[in-house]
Amino acid sequence: MTSSRTWTLMAASLVVIGLFFVLREHWGHALGFLPYLVLLACPIMHLFHGHGGHGGHGHHRSASDEEK
């Protein structure tokens, strides 16, 4: 089990290092995509939000429920 975690951490480290060098060389091109990434952030956040902050979706108690 430890071996698979080690390989996962090594692979993630290589990806981060590779992204660093690619972005360093092509920073001007990467900034061109920034407005599109900001626009995509809204629907992506709505997809992965979990819908926990919307008041419980029908689990509201009314005054008549509390009297029973």
PDB file of N, CA and C in Angstrom:
ATOM      1  N   MET A   1       0.821  -1.183   0.000  1.00  0.00           N
ATOM      2  CA  MET A   1       0.000   0.000   0.000  1.00  0.00           C
ATOM      3  C   MET A   1       0.871   1.256   0.000  1.00  0.00           C
ATOM      4  N   THR A   2       1.947   1.240   0.713  1.00  0.00           N
ATOM      5  CA  THR A   2       2.825   2.397   0.766  1.00  0.00           C
ATOM      6  C   THR A   2       3.501   2.620  -0.582  1.00  0.00           C
ATOM      7  N   SER A   3       3.758   1.540  -1.291  1.00  0.00           N
ATOM      8  CA  SER A   3       4.420   1.660  -2.583  1.00  0.00           C
ATOM      9  C   SER A   3       3.544   2.401  -3.593  1.00  0.00           C
ATOM     10  N   SER A   4       2.241   2.114  -3.598  1.00  0.00           N
ATOM     11  CA  SER A   4       1.363   2.797  -4.545  1.00  0.00           C
ATOM     12  C   SER A   4       1.233   4.278  -4.197  1.00  0.00           C
ATOM     13  N   ARG A   5       1.241   4.589  -2.895  1.00  0.00           N
ATOM     14  CA  ARG A   5       1.178   5.993  -2.497  1.00  0.00           C
ATOM     15  C   ARG A   5       2.458   6.724  -2.904  1.00  0.00           C
ATOM     16  N   THR A   6       3.574   6.065  -2.781  1.00  0.00           N
ATOM     17  CA  THR A   6       4.850   6.655  -3.179  1.00  0.00           C
ATOM     18  C   THR A   6       4.846   6.955  -4.676  1.00  0.00           C
ATOM     19  N   TRP A   7       4.369   5.997  -5.480  1.00  0.00           N
ATOM     20  CA  TRP A   7       4.323   6.214  -6.922  1.00  0.00           C
ATOM     21  C   TRP A   7       3.364   7.344  -7.282  1.00  0.00           C
ATOM     22  N   THR A   8       2.255   7.440  -6.555  1.00  0.00           N
ATOM     23  CA  THR A   8       1.291   8.513  -6.814  1.00  0.00           C
ATOM     24  C   THR A   8       1.897   9.871  -6.504  1.00  0.00           C
ATOM     25  N   LEU A   9       2.596   9.975  -5.380  1.00  0.00           N
ATOM     26  CA  LEU A   9       3.241  11.238  -5.015  1.00  0.00           C
ATOM     27  C   LEU A   9       4.346  11.607  -6.009  1.00  0.00           C
ATOM     28  N   MET A  10       5.088  10.614  -6.467  1.00  0.00           N
ATOM     29  CA  MET A  10       6.138  10.884  -7.454  1.00  0.00           C
ATOM     30  C   MET A  10       5.536  11.370  -8.770  1.00  0.00           C
ATOM     31  N   ALA A  11       4.445  10.746  -9.201  1.00  0.00           N
ATOM     32  CA  ALA A  11       3.804  11.150 -10.445  1.00  0.00           C
ATOM     33  C   ALA A  11       3.226  12.561 -10.321  1.00  0.00           C
ATOM     34  N   ALA A  12       2.599  12.852  -9.181  1.00  0.00           N
ATOM     35  CA  ALA A  12       2.042  14.191  -8.968  1.00  0.00           C
ATOM     36  C   ALA A  12       3.148  15.238  -8.948  1.00  0.00           C
ATOM     37  N   SER A  13       4.273  14.912  -8.349  1.00  0.00           N
ATOM     38  CA  SER A  13       5.402  15.842  -8.307  1.00  0.00           C
ATOM     39  C   SER A  13       5.936  16.115  -9.713  1.00  0.00           C
ATOM     40  N   LEU A  14       6.043  15.080 -10.520  1.00  0.00           N
ATOM     41  CA  LEU A  14       6.513  15.264 -11.891  1.00  0.00           C
ATOM     42  C   LEU A  14       5.552  16.115 -12.708  1.00  0.00           C
ATOM     43  N   VAL A  15       4.252  15.936 -12.483  1.00  0.00           N
ATOM     44  CA  VAL A  15       3.264  16.743 -13.199  1.00  0.00           C
ATOM     45  C   VAL A  15       3.386  18.216 -12.801  1.00  0.00           C
ATOM     46  N   VAL A  16       3.550  18.481 -11.501  1.00  0.00           N
ATOM     47  CA  VAL A  16       3.679  19.864 -11.031  1.00  0.00           C
ATOM     48  C   VAL A  16       4.945  20.504 -11.591  1.00  0.00           C
ATOM     49  N   ILE A  17       6.051  19.766 -11.592  1.00  0.00           N
ATOM     50  CA  ILE A  17       7.308  20.290 -12.128  1.00  0.00           C
ATOM     51  C   ILE A  17       7.174  20.552 -13.628  1.00  0.00           C
ATOM     52  N   GLY A  18       6.547  19.628 -14.341  1.00  0.00           N
ATOM     53  CA  GLY A  18       6.346  19.818 -15.776  1.00  0.00           C
ATOM     54  C   GLY A  18       5.473  21.022 -16.078  1.00  0.00           C
ATOM     55  N   LEU A  19       4.394  21.195 -15.301  1.00  0.00           N
ATOM     56  CA  LEU A  19       3.527  22.361 -15.490  1.00  0.00           C
ATOM     57  C   LEU A  19       4.268  23.661 -15.213  1.00  0.00           C
ATOM     58  N   PHE A  20       5.131  23.638 -14.214  1.00  0.00           N
ATOM     59  CA  PHE A  20       5.912  24.837 -13.908  1.00  0.00           C
ATOM     60  C   PHE A  20       6.759  25.262 -15.100  1.00  0.00           C
ATOM     61  N   PHE A  21       7.476  24.312 -15.691  1.00  0.00           N
ATOM     62  CA  PHE A  21       8.348  24.659 -16.804  1.00  0.00           C
ATOM     63  C   PHE A  21       7.566  25.049 -18.057  1.00  0.00           C
ATOM     64  N   VAL A  22       6.435  24.386 -18.299  1.00  0.00           N
ATOM     65  CA  VAL A  22       5.622  24.746 -19.462  1.00  0.00           C
ATOM     66  C   VAL A  22       5.057  26.151 -19.289  1.00  0.00           C
ATOM     67  N   LEU A  23       4.526  26.448 -18.096  1.00  0.00           N
ATOM     68  CA  LEU A  23       3.978  27.784 -17.864  1.00  0.00           C
ATOM     69  C   LEU A  23       5.054  28.854 -17.877  1.00  0.00           C
ATOM     70  N   ARG A  24       6.245  28.510 -17.425  1.00  0.00           N
ATOM     71  CA  ARG A  24       7.335  29.484 -17.422  1.00  0.00           C
ATOM     72  C   ARG A  24       7.725  29.886 -18.838  1.00  0.00           C
ATOM     73  N   GLU A  25       7.705  28.924 -19.737  1.00  0.00           N
ATOM     74  CA  GLU A  25       8.094  29.204 -21.116  1.00  0.00           C
ATOM     75  C   GLU A  25       6.963  29.825 -21.920  1.00  0.00           C
ATOM     76  N   HIS A  26       5.721  29.520 -21.569  1.00  0.00           N
ATOM     77  CA  HIS A  26       4.583  29.957 -22.374  1.00  0.00           C
ATOM     78  C   HIS A  26       3.610  30.791 -21.549  1.00  0.00           C
ATOM     79  N   TRP A  27       4.118  31.626 -20.662  1.00  0.00           N
ATOM     80  CA  TRP A  27       3.274  32.408 -19.766  1.00  0.00           C
ATOM     81  C   TRP A  27       2.350  33.361 -20.526  1.00  0.00           C
ATOM     82  N   GLY A  28       2.855  33.964 -21.588  1.00  0.00           N
ATOM     83  CA  GLY A  28       2.037  34.880 -22.382  1.00  0.00           C
ATOM     84  C   GLY A  28       0.840  34.189 -23.015  1.00  0.00           C
ATOM     85  N   HIS A  29       1.030  32.966 -23.473  1.00  0.00           N
ATOM     86  CA  HIS A  29      -0.075  32.209 -24.050  1.00  0.00           C
ATOM     87  C   HIS A  29      -1.054  31.766 -22.961  1.00  0.00           C
ATOM     88  N   ALA A  30      -0.527  31.406 -21.817  1.00  0.00           N
ATOM     89  CA  ALA A  30      -1.384  30.927 -20.723  1.00  0.00           C
ATOM     90  C   ALA A  30      -2.274  32.052 -20.200  1.00  0.00           C
ATOM     91  N   LEU A  31      -1.778  33.272 -20.166  1.00  0.00           N
ATOM     92  CA  LEU A  31      -2.594  34.395 -19.701  1.00  0.00           C
ATOM     93  C   LEU A  31      -3.728  34.706 -20.676  1.00  0.00           C
ATOM     94  N   GLY A  32      -3.572  34.333 -21.928  1.00  0.00           N
ATOM     95  CA  GLY A  32      -4.639  34.534 -22.895  1.00  0.00           C
ATOM     96  C   GLY A  32      -5.869  33.688 -22.594  1.00  0.00           C
ATOM     97  N   PHE A  33      -5.674  32.545 -21.916  1.00  0.00           N
ATOM     98  CA  PHE A  33      -6.791  31.675 -21.562  1.00  0.00           C
ATOM     99  C   PHE A  33      -7.443  32.069 -20.244  1.00  0.00           C
ATOM    100  N   LEU A  34      -6.859  32.997 -19.505  1.00  0.00           N
ATOM    101  CA  LEU A  34      -7.364  33.347 -18.179  1.00  0.00           C
ATOM    102  C   LEU A  34      -8.816  33.833 -18.183  1.00  0.00           C
ATOM    103  N   PRO A  35      -9.234  34.705 -19.095  1.00  0.00           N
ATOM    104  CA  PRO A  35     -10.650  35.117 -19.072  1.00  0.00           C
ATOM    105  C   PRO A  35     -11.613  33.951 -19.283  1.00  0.00           C
ATOM    106  N   TYR A  36     -11.228  32.994 -20.117  1.00  0.00           N
ATOM    107  CA  TYR A  36     -12.087  31.838 -20.343  1.00  0.00           C
ATOM    108  C   TYR A  36     -12.142  30.941 -19.116  1.00  0.00           C
ATOM    109  N   LEU A  37     -11.038  30.827 -18.404  1.00  0.00           N
ATOM    110  CA  LEU A  37     -11.035  30.024 -17.177  1.00  0.00           C
ATOM    111  C   LEU A  37     -11.906  30.657 -16.100  1.00  0.00           C
ATOM    112  N   VAL A  38     -11.903  31.980 -16.034  1.00  0.00           N
ATOM    113  CA  VAL A  38     -12.764  32.663 -15.063  1.00  0.00           C
ATOM    114  C   VAL A  38     -14.228  32.420 -15.418  1.00  0.00           C
ATOM    115  N   LEU A  39     -14.565  32.469 -16.704  1.00  0.00           N
ATOM    116  CA  LEU A  39     -15.943  32.205 -17.119  1.00  0.00           C
ATOM    117  C   LEU A  39     -16.349  30.757 -16.866  1.00  0.00           C
ATOM    118  N   LEU A  40     -15.422  29.831 -17.004  1.00  0.00           N
ATOM    119  CA  LEU A  40     -15.723  28.427 -16.743  1.00  0.00           C
ATOM    120  C   LEU A  40     -15.793  28.110 -15.256  1.00  0.00           C
ATOM    121  N   ALA A  41     -15.239  28.973 -14.423  1.00  0.00           N
ATOM    122  CA  ALA A  41     -15.221  28.704 -12.979  1.00  0.00           C
ATOM    123  C   ALA A  41     -16.633  28.669 -12.415  1.00  0.00           C
ATOM    124  N   CYS A  42     -17.532  29.507 -12.913  1.00  0.00           N
ATOM    125  CA  CYS A  42     -18.906  29.560 -12.393  1.00  0.00           C
ATOM    126  C   CYS A  42     -19.637  28.228 -12.573  1.00  0.00           C
ATOM    127  N   PRO A  43     -19.757  27.699 -13.785  1.00  0.00           N
ATOM    128  CA  PRO A  43     -20.486  26.428 -13.903  1.00  0.00           C
ATOM    129  C   PRO A  43     -19.775  25.270 -13.212  1.00  0.00           C
ATOM    130  N   ILE A  44     -18.453  25.303 -13.178  1.00  0.00           N
ATOM    131  CA  ILE A  44     -17.729  24.226 -12.506  1.00  0.00           C
ATOM    132  C   ILE A  44     -17.990  24.266 -11.006  1.00  0.00           C
ATOM    133  N   MET A  45     -18.019  25.473 -10.419  1.00  0.00           N
ATOM    134  CA  MET A  45     -18.318  25.578  -8.987  1.00  0.00           C
ATOM    135  C   MET A  45     -19.746  25.130  -8.701  1.00  0.00           C
ATOM    136  N   HIS A  46     -20.676  25.418  -9.596  1.00  0.00           N
ATOM    137  CA  HIS A  46     -22.048  24.971  -9.380  1.00  0.00           C
ATOM    138  C   HIS A  46     -22.158  23.453  -9.473  1.00  0.00           C
ATOM    139  N   LEU A  47     -21.368  22.837 -10.325  1.00  0.00           N
ATOM    140  CA  LEU A  47     -21.398  21.379 -10.439  1.00  0.00           C
ATOM    141  C   LEU A  47     -20.851  20.699  -9.183  1.00  0.00           C
ATOM    142  N   PHE A  48     -19.765  21.213  -8.630  1.00  0.00           N
ATOM    143  CA  PHE A  48     -19.085  20.550  -7.527  1.00  0.00           C
ATOM    144  C   PHE A  48     -19.395  21.167  -6.170  1.00  0.00           C
ATOM    145  N   HIS A  49     -20.354  22.066  -6.095  1.00  0.00           N
ATOM    146  CA  HIS A  49     -20.657  22.751  -4.835  1.00  0.00           C
ATOM    147  C   HIS A  49     -21.248  21.810  -3.807  1.00  0.00           C
ATOM    148  N   GLY A  50     -22.059  20.856  -4.208  1.00  0.00           N
ATOM    149  CA  GLY A  50     -22.675  19.934  -3.279  1.00  0.00           C
ATOM    150  C   GLY A  50     -24.056  20.371  -2.836  1.00  0.00           C
ATOM    151  N   HIS A  51     -24.473  21.565  -3.167  1.00  0.00           N
ATOM    152  CA  HIS A  51     -25.807  22.071  -2.886  1.00  0.00           C
ATOM    153  C   HIS A  51     -26.153  22.019  -1.408  1.00  0.00           C
ATOM    154  N   GLY A  52     -25.203  22.221  -0.542  1.00  0.00           N
ATOM    155  CA  GLY A  52     -25.464  22.202   0.889  1.00  0.00           C
ATOM    156  C   GLY A  52     -25.925  23.531   1.433  1.00  0.00           C
ATOM    157  N   GLY A  53     -25.732  24.605   0.747  1.00  0.00           N
ATOM    158  CA  GLY A  53     -26.070  25.911   1.277  1.00  0.00           C
ATOM    159  C   GLY A  53     -27.379  26.478   0.774  1.00  0.00           C
ATOM    160  N   HIS A  54     -28.268  25.647   0.296  1.00  0.00           N
ATOM    161  CA  HIS A  54     -29.515  26.139  -0.282  1.00  0.00           C
ATOM    162  C   HIS A  54     -30.702  25.976   0.650  1.00  0.00           C
ATOM    163  N   GLY A  55     -30.500  25.844   1.926  1.00  0.00           N
ATOM    164  CA  GLY A  55     -31.607  25.781   2.864  1.00  0.00           C
ATOM    165  C   GLY A  55     -32.175  24.399   3.086  1.00  0.00           C
ATOM    166  N   GLY A  56     -31.578  23.368   2.631  1.00  0.00           N
ATOM    167  CA  GLY A  56     -32.014  22.016   2.935  1.00  0.00           C
ATOM    168  C   GLY A  56     -32.969  21.386   1.943  1.00  0.00           C
ATOM    169  N   HIS A  57     -33.403  22.079   0.931  1.00  0.00           N
ATOM    170  CA  HIS A  57     -34.247  21.527  -0.126  1.00  0.00           C
ATOM    171  C   HIS A  57     -35.496  20.844   0.419  1.00  0.00           C
ATOM    172  N   GLY A  58     -36.390  21.620   1.021  1.00  0.00           N
ATOM    173  CA  GLY A  58     -37.670  21.087   1.437  1.00  0.00           C
ATOM    174  C   GLY A  58     -37.705  20.537   2.849  1.00  0.00           C
ATOM    175  N   HIS A  59     -36.674  20.679   3.603  1.00  0.00           N
ATOM    176  CA  HIS A  59     -36.640  20.187   4.975  1.00  0.00           C
ATOM    177  C   HIS A  59     -36.923  21.310   5.965  1.00  0.00           C
ATOM    178  N   HIS A  60     -37.716  22.271   5.548  1.00  0.00           N
ATOM    179  CA  HIS A  60     -38.039  23.406   6.403  1.00  0.00           C
ATOM    180  C   HIS A  60     -39.167  23.026   7.355  1.00  0.00           C
ATOM    181  N   ARG A  61     -39.068  23.495   8.572  1.00  0.00           N
ATOM    182  CA  ARG A  61     -40.134  23.282   9.544  1.00  0.00           C
ATOM    183  C   ARG A  61     -41.021  24.513   9.583  1.00  0.00           C
ATOM    184  N   SER A  62     -42.305  24.281   9.565  1.00  0.00           N
ATOM    185  CA  SER A  62     -43.236  25.389   9.669  1.00  0.00           C
ATOM    186  C   SER A  62     -43.711  25.506  11.121  1.00  0.00           C
ATOM    187  N   ALA A  63     -44.430  26.559  11.429  1.00  0.00           N
ATOM    188  CA  ALA A  63     -44.920  26.774  12.792  1.00  0.00           C
ATOM    189  C   ALA A  63     -45.906  25.680  13.178  1.00  0.00           C
ATOM    190  N   SER A  64     -46.722  25.185  12.245  1.00  0.00           N
ATOM    191  CA  SER A  64     -47.683  24.138  12.573  1.00  0.00           C
ATOM    192  C   SER A  64     -47.011  22.803  12.860  1.00  0.00           C
ATOM    193  N   ASP A  65     -45.837  22.532  12.255  1.00  0.00           N
ATOM    194  CA  ASP A  65     -45.104  21.301  12.536  1.00  0.00           C
ATOM    195  C   ASP A  65     -44.543  21.304  13.953  1.00  0.00           C
ATOM    196  N   GLU A  66     -44.145  22.456  14.434  1.00  0.00           N
ATOM    197  CA  GLU A  66     -43.562  22.540  15.761  1.00  0.00           C
ATOM    198  C   GLU A  66     -44.609  22.380  16.859  1.00  0.00           C
ATOM    199  N   GLU A  67     -45.863  22.732  16.569  1.00  0.00           N
ATOM    200  CA  GLU A  67     -46.924  22.631  17.570  1.00  0.00           C
ATOM    201  C   GLU A  67     -47.346  21.188  17.785  1.00  0.00           C
ATOM    202  N   LYS A  68     -47.128  20.313  16.819  1.00  0.00           N
ATOM    203  CA  LYS A  68     -47.561  18.902  16.931  1.00  0.00           C
ATOM    204  C   LYS A  68     -46.681  18.165  17.834  1.00  0.00           C
TER     205      LYS A  68
END
